PDB file of N, CA and C in Angstrom:
ATOM      1  N   MET A   1      36.698  -1.439  49.137  1.00  0.00           N
ATOM      2  CA  MET A   1      36.358  -2.776  49.556  1.00  0.00           C
ATOM      3  C   MET A   1      36.665  -2.883  51.049  1.00  0.00           C
ATOM      4  N   ALA A   2      35.643  -3.077  51.849  1.00  0.00           N
ATOM      5  CA  ALA A   2      35.805  -3.162  53.297  1.00  0.00           C
ATOM      6  C   ALA A   2      36.133  -4.593  53.704  1.00  0.00           C
ATOM      7  N   SER A   3      37.032  -4.702  54.654  1.00  0.00           N
ATOM      8  CA  SER A   3      37.408  -6.009  55.161  1.00  0.00           C
ATOM      9  C   SER A   3      36.517  -6.347  56.353  1.00  0.00           C
ATOM     10  N   LYS A   4      36.090  -7.603  56.430  1.00  0.00           N
ATOM     11  CA  LYS A   4      35.263  -8.062  57.546  1.00  0.00           C
ATOM     12  C   LYS A   4      36.111  -8.890  58.492  1.00  0.00           C
ATOM     13  N   THR A   5      35.585  -9.062  59.686  1.00  0.00           N
ATOM     14  CA  THR A   5      36.271  -9.894  60.672  1.00  0.00           C
ATOM     15  C   THR A   5      35.601 -11.265  60.732  1.00  0.00           C
ATOM     16  N   ILE A   6      36.316 -12.225  61.285  1.00  0.00           N
ATOM     17  CA  ILE A   6      35.759 -13.565  61.493  1.00  0.00           C
ATOM     18  C   ILE A   6      34.530 -13.455  62.390  1.00  0.00           C
ATOM     19  N   SER A   7      34.630 -12.641  63.423  1.00  0.00           N
ATOM     20  CA  SER A   7      33.511 -12.476  64.361  1.00  0.00           C
ATOM     21  C   SER A   7      32.270 -11.924  63.684  1.00  0.00           C
ATOM     22  N   SER A   8      32.448 -10.945  62.798  1.00  0.00           N
ATOM     23  CA  SER A   8      31.283 -10.351  62.134  1.00  0.00           C
ATOM     24  C   SER A   8      30.634 -11.345  61.172  1.00  0.00           C
ATOM     25  N   ILE A   9      31.430 -12.163  60.505  1.00  0.00           N
ATOM     26  CA  ILE A   9      30.878 -13.184  59.608  1.00  0.00           C
ATOM     27  C   ILE A   9      30.154 -14.251  60.428  1.00  0.00           C
ATOM     28  N   ALA A  10      30.751 -14.646  61.539  1.00  0.00           N
ATOM     29  CA  ALA A  10      30.132 -15.654  62.408  1.00  0.00           C
ATOM     30  C   ALA A  10      28.783 -15.162  62.916  1.00  0.00           C
ATOM     31  N   LYS A  11      28.734 -13.921  63.329  1.00  0.00           N
ATOM     32  CA  LYS A  11      27.479 -13.348  63.832  1.00  0.00           C
ATOM     33  C   LYS A  11      26.437 -13.275  62.718  1.00  0.00           C
ATOM     34  N   GLU A  12      26.857 -12.865  61.546  1.00  0.00           N
ATOM     35  CA  GLU A  12      25.957 -12.731  60.399  1.00  0.00           C
ATOM     36  C   GLU A  12      25.336 -14.067  60.005  1.00  0.00           C
ATOM     37  N   LEU A  13      26.136 -15.142  60.051  1.00  0.00           N
ATOM     38  CA  LEU A  13      25.659 -16.469  59.644  1.00  0.00           C
ATOM     39  C   LEU A  13      25.159 -17.301  60.832  1.00  0.00           C
ATOM     40  N   ASN A  14      25.216 -16.719  62.013  1.00  0.00           N
ATOM     41  CA  ASN A  14      24.786 -17.412  63.236  1.00  0.00           C
ATOM     42  C   ASN A  14      25.602 -18.689  63.460  1.00  0.00           C
ATOM     43  N   LEU A  15      26.916 -18.543  63.339  1.00  0.00           N
ATOM     44  CA  LEU A  15      27.868 -19.636  63.532  1.00  0.00           C
ATOM     45  C   LEU A  15      28.877 -19.236  64.596  1.00  0.00           C
ATOM     46  N   SER A  16      29.630 -20.204  65.066  1.00  0.00           N
ATOM     47  CA  SER A  16      30.743 -19.890  65.962  1.00  0.00           C
ATOM     48  C   SER A  16      31.938 -19.437  65.114  1.00  0.00           C
ATOM     49  N   ARG A  17      32.855 -18.728  65.763  1.00  0.00           N
ATOM     50  CA  ARG A  17      34.068 -18.325  65.047  1.00  0.00           C
ATOM     51  C   ARG A  17      34.853 -19.558  64.627  1.00  0.00           C
ATOM     52  N   ALA A  18      34.851 -20.589  65.462  1.00  0.00           N
ATOM     53  CA  ALA A  18      35.562 -21.823  65.137  1.00  0.00           C
ATOM     54  C   ALA A  18      35.017 -22.440  63.850  1.00  0.00           C
ATOM     55  N   ARG A  19      33.702 -22.421  63.681  1.00  0.00           N
ATOM     56  CA  ARG A  19      33.094 -22.987  62.467  1.00  0.00           C
ATOM     57  C   ARG A  19      33.495 -22.170  61.239  1.00  0.00           C
ATOM     58  N   VAL A  20      33.584 -20.865  61.382  1.00  0.00           N
ATOM     59  CA  VAL A  20      34.026 -20.027  60.254  1.00  0.00           C
ATOM     60  C   VAL A  20      35.458 -20.408  59.875  1.00  0.00           C
ATOM     61  N   TYR A  21      36.326 -20.605  60.865  1.00  0.00           N
ATOM     62  CA  TYR A  21      37.697 -21.043  60.571  1.00  0.00           C
ATOM     63  C   TYR A  21      37.704 -22.417  59.891  1.00  0.00           C
ATOM     64  N   GLN A  22      36.835 -23.320  60.336  1.00  0.00           N
ATOM     65  CA  GLN A  22      36.737 -24.638  59.694  1.00  0.00           C
ATOM     66  C   GLN A  22      36.326 -24.496  58.233  1.00  0.00           C
ATOM     67  N   ILE A  23      35.364 -23.631  57.976  1.00  0.00           N
ATOM     68  CA  ILE A  23      34.910 -23.417  56.597  1.00  0.00           C
ATOM     69  C   ILE A  23      36.045 -22.851  55.755  1.00  0.00           C
ATOM     70  N   ILE A  24      36.772 -21.887  56.296  1.00  0.00           N
ATOM     71  CA  ILE A  24      37.905 -21.305  55.557  1.00  0.00           C
ATOM     72  C   ILE A  24      38.917 -22.399  55.217  1.00  0.00           C
ATOM     73  N   ASP A  25      39.181 -23.293  56.151  1.00  0.00           N
ATOM     74  CA  ASP A  25      40.115 -24.393  55.895  1.00  0.00           C
ATOM     75  C   ASP A  25      39.626 -25.314  54.778  1.00  0.00           C
ATOM     76  N   MET A  26      38.317 -25.448  54.626  1.00  0.00           N
ATOM     77  CA  MET A  26      37.744 -26.341  53.622  1.00  0.00           C
ATOM     78  C   MET A  26      37.655 -25.709  52.229  1.00  0.00           C
ATOM     79  N   LEU A  27      37.801 -24.389  52.145  1.00  0.00           N
ATOM     80  CA  LEU A  27      37.703 -23.706  50.857  1.00  0.00           C
ATOM     81  C   LEU A  27      38.884 -24.085  49.957  1.00  0.00           C
ATOM     82  N   ASP A  28      38.652 -24.000  48.653  1.00  0.00           N
ATOM     83  CA  ASP A  28      39.750 -24.179  47.701  1.00  0.00           C
ATOM     84  C   ASP A  28      40.784 -23.082  47.930  1.00  0.00           C
ATOM     85  N   ASP A  29      42.022 -23.366  47.602  1.00  0.00           N
ATOM     86  CA  ASP A  29      43.099 -22.398  47.832  1.00  0.00           C
ATOM     87  C   ASP A  29      42.834 -21.056  47.150  1.00  0.00           C
ATOM     88  N   ASN A  30      42.220 -21.085  45.979  1.00  0.00           N
ATOM     89  CA  ASN A  30      41.970 -19.830  45.271  1.00  0.00           C
ATOM     90  C   ASN A  30      40.808 -19.035  45.878  1.00  0.00           C
ATOM     91  N   GLU A  31      40.044 -19.650  46.789  1.00  0.00           N
ATOM     92  CA  GLU A  31      38.932 -18.952  47.436  1.00  0.00           C
ATOM     93  C   GLU A  31      39.264 -18.516  48.861  1.00  0.00           C
ATOM     94  N   LYS A  32      40.319 -19.066  49.427  1.00  0.00           N
ATOM     95  CA  LYS A  32      40.683 -18.735  50.807  1.00  0.00           C
ATOM     96  C   LYS A  32      41.140 -17.282  50.897  1.00  0.00           C
ATOM     97  N   PRO A  33      40.762 -16.623  51.998  1.00  0.00           N
ATOM     98  CA  PRO A  33      41.260 -15.255  52.192  1.00  0.00           C
ATOM     99  C   PRO A  33      42.761 -15.278  52.478  1.00  0.00           C
ATOM    100  N   LEU A  34      43.424 -14.214  52.127  1.00  0.00           N
ATOM    101  CA  LEU A  34      44.854 -14.094  52.367  1.00  0.00           C
ATOM    102  C   LEU A  34      45.089 -13.632  53.796  1.00  0.00           C
ATOM    103  N   LYS A  35      46.308 -13.815  54.265  1.00  0.00           N
ATOM    104  CA  LYS A  35      46.678 -13.344  55.600  1.00  0.00           C
ATOM    105  C   LYS A  35      47.601 -12.141  55.469  1.00  0.00           C
ATOM    106  N   ASP A  36      47.498 -11.225  56.438  1.00  0.00           N
ATOM    107  CA  ASP A  36      48.358 -10.053  56.432  1.00  0.00           C
ATOM    108  C   ASP A  36      49.673 -10.358  57.162  1.00  0.00           C
ATOM    109  N   SER A  37      50.480  -9.338  57.365  1.00  0.00           N
ATOM    110  CA  SER A  37      51.788  -9.539  57.996  1.00  0.00           C
ATOM    111  C   SER A  37      51.679  -9.960  59.459  1.00  0.00           C
ATOM    112  N   ASN A  38      50.517  -9.755  60.075  1.00  0.00           N
ATOM    113  CA  ASN A  38      50.288 -10.176  61.463  1.00  0.00           C
ATOM    114  C   ASN A  38      49.634 -11.544  61.535  1.00  0.00           C
ATOM    115  N   ASP A  39      49.583 -12.257  60.408  1.00  0.00           N
ATOM    116  CA  ASP A  39      48.997 -13.596  60.310  1.00  0.00           C
ATOM    117  C   ASP A  39      47.493 -13.605  60.604  1.00  0.00           C
ATOM    118  N   ARG A  40      46.830 -12.500  60.259  1.00  0.00           N
ATOM    119  CA  ARG A  40      45.382 -12.395  60.403  1.00  0.00           C
ATOM    120  C   ARG A  40      44.760 -12.396  59.018  1.00  0.00           C
ATOM    121  N   TYR A  41      43.597 -13.048  58.908  1.00  0.00           N
ATOM    122  CA  TYR A  41      42.923 -13.094  57.619  1.00  0.00           C
ATOM    123  C   TYR A  41      42.440 -11.714  57.207  1.00  0.00           C
ATOM    124  N   VAL A  42      42.627 -11.411  55.930  1.00  0.00           N
ATOM    125  CA  VAL A  42      42.074 -10.216  55.327  1.00  0.00           C
ATOM    126  C   VAL A  42      40.901 -10.702  54.488  1.00  0.00           C
ATOM    127  N   ILE A  43      39.718 -10.500  54.999  1.00  0.00           N
ATOM    128  CA  ILE A  43      38.527 -11.085  54.385  1.00  0.00           C
ATOM    129  C   ILE A  43      37.815 -10.034  53.553  1.00  0.00           C
ATOM    130  N   ASP A  44      37.952 -10.174  52.236  1.00  0.00           N
ATOM    131  CA  ASP A  44      37.287  -9.253  51.327  1.00  0.00           C
ATOM    132  C   ASP A  44      35.943  -9.835  50.896  1.00  0.00           C
ATOM    133  N   ASP A  45      35.258  -9.108  50.023  1.00  0.00           N
ATOM    134  CA  ASP A  45      33.915  -9.521  49.594  1.00  0.00           C
ATOM    135  C   ASP A  45      33.901 -10.891  48.927  1.00  0.00           C
ATOM    136  N   SER A  46      34.928 -11.207  48.146  1.00  0.00           N
ATOM    137  CA  SER A  46      34.943 -12.501  47.461  1.00  0.00           C
ATOM    138  C   SER A  46      35.115 -13.642  48.470  1.00  0.00           C
ATOM    139  N   ALA A  47      35.903 -13.420  49.508  1.00  0.00           N
ATOM    140  CA  ALA A  47      36.074 -14.448  50.542  1.00  0.00           C
ATOM    141  C   ALA A  47      34.783 -14.628  51.334  1.00  0.00           C
ATOM    142  N   VAL A  48      34.089 -13.535  51.632  1.00  0.00           N
ATOM    143  CA  VAL A  48      32.806 -13.614  52.342  1.00  0.00           C
ATOM    144  C   VAL A  48      31.810 -14.414  51.508  1.00  0.00           C
ATOM    145  N   ASN A  49      31.774 -14.142  50.217  1.00  0.00           N
ATOM    146  CA  ASN A  49      30.854 -14.880  49.336  1.00  0.00           C
ATOM    147  C   ASN A  49      31.207 -16.363  49.276  1.00  0.00           C
ATOM    148  N   ALA A  50      32.481 -16.686  49.259  1.00  0.00           N
ATOM    149  CA  ALA A  50      32.908 -18.098  49.241  1.00  0.00           C
ATOM    150  C   ALA A  50      32.508 -18.792  50.534  1.00  0.00           C
ATOM    151  N   ILE A  51      32.648 -18.112  51.659  1.00  0.00           N
ATOM    152  CA  ILE A  51      32.262 -18.689  52.953  1.00  0.00           C
ATOM    153  C   ILE A  51      30.759 -18.920  52.990  1.00  0.00           C
ATOM    154  N   ARG A  52      29.991 -17.917  52.551  1.00  0.00           N
ATOM    155  CA  ARG A  52      28.527 -18.060  52.516  1.00  0.00           C
ATOM    156  C   ARG A  52      28.105 -19.212  51.611  1.00  0.00           C
ATOM    157  N   LYS A  53      28.727 -19.297  50.450  1.00  0.00           N
ATOM    158  CA  LYS A  53      28.387 -20.343  49.482  1.00  0.00           C
ATOM    159  C   LYS A  53      28.689 -21.721  50.067  1.00  0.00           C
ATOM    160  N   TYR A  54      29.851 -21.881  50.674  1.00  0.00           N
ATOM    161  CA  TYR A  54      30.214 -23.169  51.274  1.00  0.00           C
ATOM    162  C   TYR A  54      29.232 -23.529  52.379  1.00  0.00           C
ATOM    163  N   TYR A  55      28.910 -22.568  53.235  1.00  0.00           N
ATOM    164  CA  TYR A  55      27.985 -22.823  54.340  1.00  0.00           C
ATOM    165  C   TYR A  55      26.599 -23.194  53.811  1.00  0.00           C
ATOM    166  N   ALA A  56      26.118 -22.483  52.820  1.00  0.00           N
ATOM    167  CA  ALA A  56      24.796 -22.778  52.257  1.00  0.00           C
ATOM    168  C   ALA A  56      24.780 -24.177  51.649  1.00  0.00           C
ATOM    169  N   ASN A  57      25.825 -24.552  50.924  1.00  0.00           N
ATOM    170  CA  ASN A  57      25.889 -25.872  50.303  1.00  0.00           C
ATOM    171  C   ASN A  57      25.999 -26.980  51.348  1.00  0.00           C
ATOM    172  N   SER A  58      26.805 -26.773  52.369  1.00  0.00           N
ATOM    173  CA  SER A  58      26.964 -27.812  53.392  1.00  0.00           C
ATOM    174  C   SER A  58      25.701 -27.934  54.226  1.00  0.00           C
ATOM    175  N   ASN A  59      25.023 -26.825  54.462  1.00  0.00           N
ATOM    176  CA  ASN A  59      23.785 -26.834  55.225  1.00  0.00           C
ATOM    177  C   ASN A  59      22.679 -27.556  54.445  1.00  0.00           C
ATOM    178  N   THR A  60      22.582 -27.300  53.165  1.00  0.00           N
ATOM    179  CA  THR A  60      21.593 -27.948  52.311  1.00  0.00           C
ATOM    180  C   THR A  60      21.869 -29.444  52.224  1.00  0.00           C
ATOM    181  N   LYS A  61      23.137 -29.813  52.067  1.00  0.00           N
ATOM    182  CA  LYS A  61      23.512 -31.223  51.969  1.00  0.00           C
ATOM    183  C   LYS A  61      23.148 -31.966  53.254  1.00  0.00           C
ATOM    184  N   ALA A  62      23.397 -31.338  54.408  1.00  0.00           N
ATOM    185  CA  ALA A  62      23.066 -31.977  55.688  1.00  0.00           C
ATOM    186  C   ALA A  62      21.564 -32.192  55.813  1.00  0.00           C
ATOM    187  N   LYS A  63      20.773 -31.233  55.380  1.00  0.00           N
ATOM    188  CA  LYS A  63      19.317 -31.360  55.443  1.00  0.00           C
ATOM    189  C   LYS A  63      18.835 -32.479  54.525  1.00  0.00           C
ATOM    190  N   GLN A  64      19.448 -32.584  53.342  1.00  0.00           N
ATOM    191  CA  GLN A  64      19.059 -33.619  52.401  1.00  0.00           C
ATOM    192  C   GLN A  64      19.379 -35.011  52.970  1.00  0.00           C
ATOM    193  N   GLU A  65      20.537 -35.139  53.587  1.00  0.00           N
ATOM    194  CA  GLU A  65      20.933 -36.417  54.180  1.00  0.00           C
ATOM    195  C   GLU A  65      20.006 -36.784  55.330  1.00  0.00           C
ATOM    196  N   LYS A  66      19.607 -35.796  56.098  1.00  0.00           N
ATOM    197  CA  LYS A  66      18.697 -36.035  57.218  1.00  0.00           C
ATOM    198  C   LYS A  66      17.358 -36.535  56.698  1.00  0.00           C
ATOM    199  N   ASN A  67      16.861 -35.962  55.604  1.00  0.00           N
ATOM    200  CA  ASN A  67      15.585 -36.372  55.024  1.00  0.00           C
ATOM    201  C   ASN A  67      15.663 -37.784  54.461  1.00  0.00           C
ATOM    202  N   VAL A  68      16.798 -38.181  53.938  1.00  0.00           N
ATOM    203  CA  VAL A  68      16.964 -39.511  53.368  1.00  0.00           C
ATOM    204  C   VAL A  68      16.942 -40.573  54.471  1.00  0.00           C
ATOM    205  N   THR A  69      17.532 -40.255  55.612  1.00  0.00           N
ATOM    206  CA  THR A  69      17.618 -41.222  56.700  1.00  0.00           C
ATOM    207  C   THR A  69      16.308 -41.342  57.473  1.00  0.00           C
ATOM    208  N   ASN A  70      15.414 -40.384  57.326  1.00  0.00           N
ATOM    209  CA  ASN A  70      14.131 -40.443  58.036  1.00  0.00           C
ATOM    210  C   ASN A  70      13.080 -41.178  57.276  1.00  0.00           C
TER     211      ASN A  70
END
């Protein structure tokens, strides 16, 4: 299981690193990636999937709200 970096996830989803950190903060505790002894996130495949899922859901919700207001 390869660990990814915040930067690589941000690039993959076309987001800023700050937005990836915001998404991680919004995840449920059981979905958040763990931190290592250097206080850096260890992002495994399940954490990447949780980040993608949250981003997809929030992106869809924003589009739906935009359509309702127009």
